[in-house]
C-alpha cells in the first residue's frame, strides 16, 4: 500500500484539486486495502487447500530412513480464517491511507 500511495501521488493531488475531501481519499485507500486483503487471502486459502495433496519425502542415505511430510488443512479453518482477511488488510492499509489523505495538494501535483 505504501507503494500504491507513492506511485499515485499525482492522482491523489488531482483528486484533491478537483474537490475531493481528505476523508474520501482515506476511505478509498482503506477500501482498496480491504479488497486486496480479501482477494489475497482467498487465493492463499485456495492454494493451501491443494497443499494437502502433496507429500514431501526425504530419504536418508546413511541410515536408509525415509520420512514423509504431509500438510494438513483443517476444514474448520475455512470458516474462521476468512474473517481475518479484511481485518489484516485494513490494519496494513491504515498508515498509507492516512499518508495519502494528508498530502499537500501542490506537492502531490508537482511530484511526477
N, C-alpha and C. Protein backbone atom coordinates (compact mmCIF):
# COMPACT_ATOMS: atom_id res chain seq x y z
N UNK A 1 0.82 -1.19 0.00
CA UNK A 1 0.00 0.00 0.00
C UNK A 1 0.86 1.25 0.00
N UNK A 2 2.02 1.18 0.64
CA UNK A 2 2.92 2.33 0.58
C UNK A 2 3.35 2.60 -0.85
N UNK A 3 3.60 1.54 -1.59
CA UNK A 3 4.00 1.70 -2.98
C UNK A 3 2.85 2.26 -3.81
N UNK A 4 1.63 1.87 -3.51
CA UNK A 4 0.47 2.40 -4.24
C UNK A 4 0.31 3.89 -3.98
N UNK A 5 0.54 4.31 -2.76
CA UNK A 5 0.45 5.74 -2.44
C UNK A 5 1.58 6.50 -3.11
N UNK A 6 2.78 5.93 -3.08
CA UNK A 6 3.93 6.61 -3.68
C UNK A 6 3.79 6.72 -5.19
N UNK A 7 3.24 5.72 -5.82
CA UNK A 7 3.11 5.74 -7.28
C UNK A 7 1.95 6.61 -7.76
N UNK A 8 1.01 6.87 -6.88
CA UNK A 8 -0.18 7.62 -7.32
C UNK A 8 -0.29 8.98 -6.65
N UNK A 9 0.82 9.60 -6.35
CA UNK A 9 0.76 10.92 -5.71
C UNK A 9 0.14 11.96 -6.64
N UNK A 10 0.43 11.89 -7.92
CA UNK A 10 -0.16 12.84 -8.86
C UNK A 10 -1.67 12.65 -8.94
N UNK A 11 -2.10 11.41 -8.94
CA UNK A 11 -3.54 11.12 -8.96
C UNK A 11 -4.22 11.65 -7.70
N UNK A 12 -3.57 11.47 -6.55
CA UNK A 12 -4.14 11.95 -5.30
C UNK A 12 -4.21 13.48 -5.31
N UNK A 13 -3.17 14.13 -5.83
CA UNK A 13 -3.18 15.58 -5.93
C UNK A 13 -4.27 16.08 -6.87
N UNK A 14 -4.49 15.36 -7.96
CA UNK A 14 -5.54 15.74 -8.91
C UNK A 14 -6.92 15.59 -8.27
N UNK A 15 -7.12 14.52 -7.53
CA UNK A 15 -8.40 14.34 -6.85
C UNK A 15 -8.65 15.43 -5.83
N UNK A 16 -7.60 15.78 -5.09
CA UNK A 16 -7.75 16.85 -4.10
C UNK A 16 -8.01 18.19 -4.78
N UNK A 17 -7.37 18.44 -5.92
CA UNK A 17 -7.59 19.70 -6.64
C UNK A 17 -9.00 19.76 -7.23
N UNK A 18 -9.57 18.61 -7.55
CA UNK A 18 -10.94 18.57 -8.07
C UNK A 18 -11.99 18.73 -6.98
N UNK A 19 -11.58 18.69 -5.74
CA UNK A 19 -12.51 18.94 -4.65
C UNK A 19 -12.81 17.76 -3.76
N UNK A 20 -12.12 16.65 -3.95
CA UNK A 20 -12.32 15.51 -3.06
C UNK A 20 -11.78 15.86 -1.68
N UNK A 21 -12.50 15.45 -0.67
CA UNK A 21 -12.07 15.71 0.69
C UNK A 21 -11.05 14.67 1.13
N UNK A 22 -10.36 14.98 2.22
CA UNK A 22 -9.37 14.04 2.75
C UNK A 22 -10.02 12.74 3.18
N UNK A 23 -11.22 12.83 3.72
CA UNK A 23 -11.92 11.64 4.18
C UNK A 23 -12.28 10.69 3.06
N UNK A 24 -12.64 11.22 1.91
CA UNK A 24 -12.99 10.33 0.80
C UNK A 24 -11.77 9.62 0.24
N UNK A 25 -10.63 10.30 0.23
CA UNK A 25 -9.39 9.64 -0.21
C UNK A 25 -8.97 8.58 0.80
N UNK A 26 -9.15 8.89 2.08
CA UNK A 26 -8.84 7.93 3.13
C UNK A 26 -9.70 6.68 2.99
N UNK A 27 -10.99 6.86 2.77
CA UNK A 27 -11.91 5.73 2.61
C UNK A 27 -11.56 4.93 1.36
N UNK A 28 -11.18 5.61 0.28
CA UNK A 28 -10.83 4.90 -0.96
C UNK A 28 -9.63 3.99 -0.76
N UNK A 29 -8.60 4.46 -0.07
CA UNK A 29 -7.42 3.63 0.15
C UNK A 29 -7.69 2.52 1.16
N UNK A 30 -8.53 2.77 2.14
CA UNK A 30 -8.87 1.71 3.10
C UNK A 30 -9.69 0.63 2.41
N UNK A 31 -10.64 1.02 1.54
CA UNK A 31 -11.41 0.03 0.80
C UNK A 31 -10.53 -0.77 -0.15
N UNK A 32 -9.55 -0.10 -0.76
CA UNK A 32 -8.64 -0.83 -1.64
C UNK A 32 -7.83 -1.86 -0.87
N UNK A 33 -7.34 -1.49 0.31
CA UNK A 33 -6.58 -2.45 1.11
C UNK A 33 -7.48 -3.56 1.63
N UNK A 34 -8.75 -3.26 1.90
CA UNK A 34 -9.69 -4.29 2.31
C UNK A 34 -9.90 -5.31 1.21
N UNK A 35 -10.13 -4.84 0.00
CA UNK A 35 -10.35 -5.76 -1.13
C UNK A 35 -9.09 -6.53 -1.48
N UNK A 36 -7.93 -5.90 -1.38
CA UNK A 36 -6.69 -6.63 -1.63
C UNK A 36 -6.48 -7.72 -0.59
N UNK A 37 -6.83 -7.43 0.66
CA UNK A 37 -6.73 -8.45 1.71
C UNK A 37 -7.67 -9.61 1.47
N UNK A 38 -8.90 -9.31 1.02
CA UNK A 38 -9.85 -10.37 0.74
C UNK A 38 -9.41 -11.23 -0.44
N UNK A 39 -8.96 -10.60 -1.51
CA UNK A 39 -8.55 -11.36 -2.69
C UNK A 39 -7.29 -12.17 -2.41
N UNK A 40 -6.31 -11.57 -1.75
CA UNK A 40 -5.08 -12.28 -1.43
C UNK A 40 -5.31 -13.41 -0.45
N UNK A 41 -6.16 -13.19 0.54
CA UNK A 41 -6.46 -14.24 1.50
C UNK A 41 -7.21 -15.40 0.88
N UNK A 42 -8.15 -15.08 0.00
CA UNK A 42 -8.90 -16.15 -0.67
C UNK A 42 -7.99 -16.95 -1.59
N UNK A 43 -7.08 -16.28 -2.27
CA UNK A 43 -6.13 -17.00 -3.12
C UNK A 43 -5.20 -17.87 -2.28
N UNK A 44 -4.77 -17.38 -1.14
CA UNK A 44 -3.92 -18.17 -0.25
C UNK A 44 -4.64 -19.38 0.32
N UNK A 45 -5.89 -19.19 0.71
CA UNK A 45 -6.67 -20.31 1.24
C UNK A 45 -6.95 -21.34 0.16
N UNK A 46 -7.20 -20.88 -1.05
CA UNK A 46 -7.44 -21.78 -2.17
C UNK A 46 -6.19 -22.60 -2.48
N UNK A 47 -5.02 -21.94 -2.53
CA UNK A 47 -3.79 -22.68 -2.83
C UNK A 47 -3.37 -23.58 -1.67
N UNK A 48 -3.68 -23.18 -0.44
CA UNK A 48 -3.34 -24.02 0.71
C UNK A 48 -4.17 -25.30 0.73
N UNK A 49 -5.37 -25.25 0.17
CA UNK A 49 -6.19 -26.46 0.15
C UNK A 49 -5.59 -27.52 -0.77
N UNK A 50 -4.82 -27.10 -1.76
CA UNK A 50 -4.17 -28.07 -2.64
C UNK A 50 -2.84 -28.58 -2.07
N UNK A 51 -2.30 -27.90 -1.08
CA UNK A 51 -1.04 -28.34 -0.49
C UNK A 51 -1.19 -29.65 0.27
N UNK A 52 -2.39 -29.96 0.73
CA UNK A 52 -2.56 -31.22 1.47
C UNK A 52 -2.50 -32.43 0.56
N UNK A 53 -2.52 -32.22 -0.73
CA UNK A 53 -2.40 -33.32 -1.68
C UNK A 53 -0.95 -33.69 -1.95
N UNK A 54 -0.02 -32.85 -1.47
CA UNK A 54 1.41 -33.05 -1.75
C UNK A 54 2.07 -33.70 -0.54
N UNK A 55 2.86 -34.70 -0.79
CA UNK A 55 3.67 -35.34 0.25
C UNK A 55 5.13 -35.18 -0.13
N UNK A 56 5.92 -34.65 0.78
CA UNK A 56 7.35 -34.46 0.55
C UNK A 56 8.10 -35.59 1.24
N UNK A 57 8.84 -36.34 0.47
CA UNK A 57 9.59 -37.47 1.01
C UNK A 57 11.06 -37.09 1.13
N UNK A 58 11.67 -37.57 2.22
CA UNK A 58 13.09 -37.33 2.45
C UNK A 58 13.74 -38.68 2.72
N UNK A 59 14.77 -38.99 1.96
CA UNK A 59 15.49 -40.26 2.12
C UNK A 59 16.85 -39.97 2.74
N UNK A 60 17.14 -40.61 3.85
CA UNK A 60 18.44 -40.50 4.49
C UNK A 60 19.28 -41.69 4.02
N UNK A 61 20.33 -41.39 3.27
CA UNK A 61 21.11 -42.46 2.66
C UNK A 61 21.96 -43.22 3.66
N UNK A 62 22.40 -42.59 4.73
CA UNK A 62 23.28 -43.27 5.68
C UNK A 62 22.52 -44.33 6.48
N UNK A 63 21.28 -44.05 6.85
CA UNK A 63 20.54 -44.99 7.68
C UNK A 63 19.38 -45.64 6.93
N UNK A 64 19.20 -45.31 5.68
CA UNK A 64 18.09 -45.81 4.86
C UNK A 64 16.74 -45.52 5.52
N UNK A 65 16.69 -44.38 6.16
CA UNK A 65 15.47 -43.97 6.85
C UNK A 65 14.69 -43.01 5.94
N UNK A 66 13.43 -43.23 5.83
CA UNK A 66 12.60 -42.40 4.95
C UNK A 66 11.52 -41.71 5.77
N UNK A 67 11.43 -40.40 5.64
CA UNK A 67 10.40 -39.64 6.34
C UNK A 67 9.54 -38.93 5.31
N UNK A 68 8.33 -38.72 5.68
CA UNK A 68 7.41 -38.01 4.80
C UNK A 68 6.76 -36.85 5.52
N UNK A 69 6.59 -35.77 4.81
CA UNK A 69 5.94 -34.58 5.36
C UNK A 69 4.69 -34.31 4.53
N UNK A 70 3.58 -34.31 5.21
CA UNK A 70 2.33 -34.04 4.52
C UNK A 70 1.63 -32.88 5.24
N UNK A 71 1.12 -31.95 4.47
CA UNK A 71 0.44 -30.79 5.02
C UNK A 71 -0.98 -31.18 5.40
N UNK A 72 -1.45 -30.59 6.48
CA UNK A 72 -2.80 -30.86 6.95
C UNK A 72 -3.57 -29.55 6.97
N UNK A 73 -4.73 -29.56 6.37
CA UNK A 73 -5.57 -28.37 6.29
C UNK A 73 -6.93 -28.71 6.89
N UNK A 74 -7.24 -28.12 8.01
CA UNK A 74 -8.50 -28.38 8.70
C UNK A 74 -9.63 -27.62 8.02
N UNK A 75 -10.74 -28.29 7.82
CA UNK A 75 -11.88 -27.63 7.18
C UNK A 75 -12.49 -26.56 8.06
N UNK A 76 -12.29 -26.62 9.35
CA UNK A 76 -12.76 -25.57 10.25
C UNK A 76 -12.06 -24.24 10.00
N UNK A 77 -10.84 -24.32 9.47
CA UNK A 77 -10.11 -23.10 9.14
C UNK A 77 -10.78 -22.33 8.01
N UNK A 78 -11.47 -23.04 7.15
CA UNK A 78 -12.15 -22.38 6.04
C UNK A 78 -13.24 -21.43 6.53
N UNK A 79 -13.73 -21.64 7.73
CA UNK A 79 -14.76 -20.77 8.30
C UNK A 79 -14.19 -19.67 9.17
N UNK A 80 -13.08 -19.94 9.86
CA UNK A 80 -12.51 -18.98 10.80
C UNK A 80 -11.55 -17.99 10.15
N UNK A 81 -10.70 -18.47 9.30
CA UNK A 81 -9.62 -17.65 8.75
C UNK A 81 -10.12 -16.52 7.84
N UNK A 82 -11.13 -16.72 6.99
CA UNK A 82 -11.56 -15.60 6.13
C UNK A 82 -12.03 -14.37 6.89
N UNK A 83 -12.37 -14.50 8.15
CA UNK A 83 -12.71 -13.32 8.95
C UNK A 83 -11.51 -12.45 9.25
N UNK A 84 -10.31 -13.04 9.17
CA UNK A 84 -9.09 -12.28 9.42
C UNK A 84 -8.59 -11.53 8.20
N UNK A 85 -8.99 -11.92 7.01
CA UNK A 85 -8.50 -11.28 5.79
C UNK A 85 -8.84 -9.80 5.74
N UNK A 86 -10.10 -9.40 5.94
CA UNK A 86 -10.40 -7.97 5.87
C UNK A 86 -9.74 -7.19 7.01
N UNK A 87 -9.68 -7.79 8.19
CA UNK A 87 -9.05 -7.13 9.34
C UNK A 87 -7.58 -6.87 9.06
N UNK A 88 -6.88 -7.87 8.55
CA UNK A 88 -5.46 -7.73 8.25
C UNK A 88 -5.24 -6.71 7.14
N UNK A 89 -6.08 -6.72 6.12
CA UNK A 89 -5.93 -5.77 5.02
C UNK A 89 -6.14 -4.34 5.47
N UNK A 90 -7.13 -4.11 6.31
CA UNK A 90 -7.40 -2.75 6.78
C UNK A 90 -6.30 -2.29 7.73
N UNK A 91 -5.83 -3.17 8.61
CA UNK A 91 -4.76 -2.78 9.54
C UNK A 91 -3.48 -2.41 8.79
N UNK A 92 -3.16 -3.13 7.73
CA UNK A 92 -1.96 -2.83 6.96
C UNK A 92 -2.14 -1.64 6.04
N UNK A 93 -3.37 -1.24 5.77
CA UNK A 93 -3.61 -0.13 4.88
C UNK A 93 -3.91 1.19 5.56
N UNK A 94 -4.01 1.20 6.89
CA UNK A 94 -4.36 2.43 7.59
C UNK A 94 -3.29 3.51 7.46
N UNK A 95 -2.06 3.17 7.73
CA UNK A 95 -0.99 4.19 7.68
C UNK A 95 -0.80 4.76 6.27
N UNK A 96 -0.74 3.94 5.22
CA UNK A 96 -0.65 4.53 3.88
C UNK A 96 -1.87 5.36 3.52
N UNK A 97 -3.04 4.99 4.00
CA UNK A 97 -4.24 5.76 3.71
C UNK A 97 -4.19 7.11 4.39
N UNK A 98 -3.73 7.15 5.64
CA UNK A 98 -3.57 8.44 6.33
C UNK A 98 -2.52 9.30 5.63
N UNK A 99 -1.47 8.66 5.16
CA UNK A 99 -0.43 9.41 4.44
C UNK A 99 -0.99 10.02 3.15
N UNK A 100 -1.81 9.27 2.45
CA UNK A 100 -2.40 9.77 1.21
C UNK A 100 -3.38 10.90 1.49
N UNK A 101 -4.12 10.80 2.57
CA UNK A 101 -5.11 11.82 2.89
C UNK A 101 -4.46 13.12 3.36
N UNK A 102 -3.28 13.03 3.97
CA UNK A 102 -2.61 14.22 4.50
C UNK A 102 -1.76 14.95 3.47
N UNK A 103 -1.65 14.41 2.27
CA UNK A 103 -0.77 15.02 1.27
C UNK A 103 -1.20 16.43 0.93
N UNK A 104 -0.22 17.28 0.77
CA UNK A 104 -0.46 18.65 0.33
C UNK A 104 -0.78 18.62 -1.17
N UNK A 105 -1.76 19.40 -1.59
CA UNK A 105 -2.22 19.35 -2.98
C UNK A 105 -1.11 19.77 -3.93
N UNK A 106 -0.43 20.85 -3.62
CA UNK A 106 0.60 21.38 -4.53
C UNK A 106 1.79 20.42 -4.62
N UNK A 107 2.22 19.89 -3.49
CA UNK A 107 3.35 18.96 -3.50
C UNK A 107 3.00 17.67 -4.24
N UNK A 108 1.76 17.21 -4.10
CA UNK A 108 1.35 15.99 -4.79
C UNK A 108 1.28 16.21 -6.30
N UNK A 109 0.87 17.39 -6.74
CA UNK A 109 0.80 17.67 -8.16
C UNK A 109 2.18 17.90 -8.77
N UNK A 110 3.12 18.40 -7.99
CA UNK A 110 4.49 18.64 -8.50
C UNK A 110 5.27 17.36 -8.67
N UNK A 111 5.03 16.38 -7.84
CA UNK A 111 5.80 15.13 -7.94
C UNK A 111 5.36 14.35 -9.17
N UNK A 112 6.31 14.10 -10.03
CA UNK A 112 5.99 13.39 -11.26
C UNK A 112 6.94 12.25 -11.46
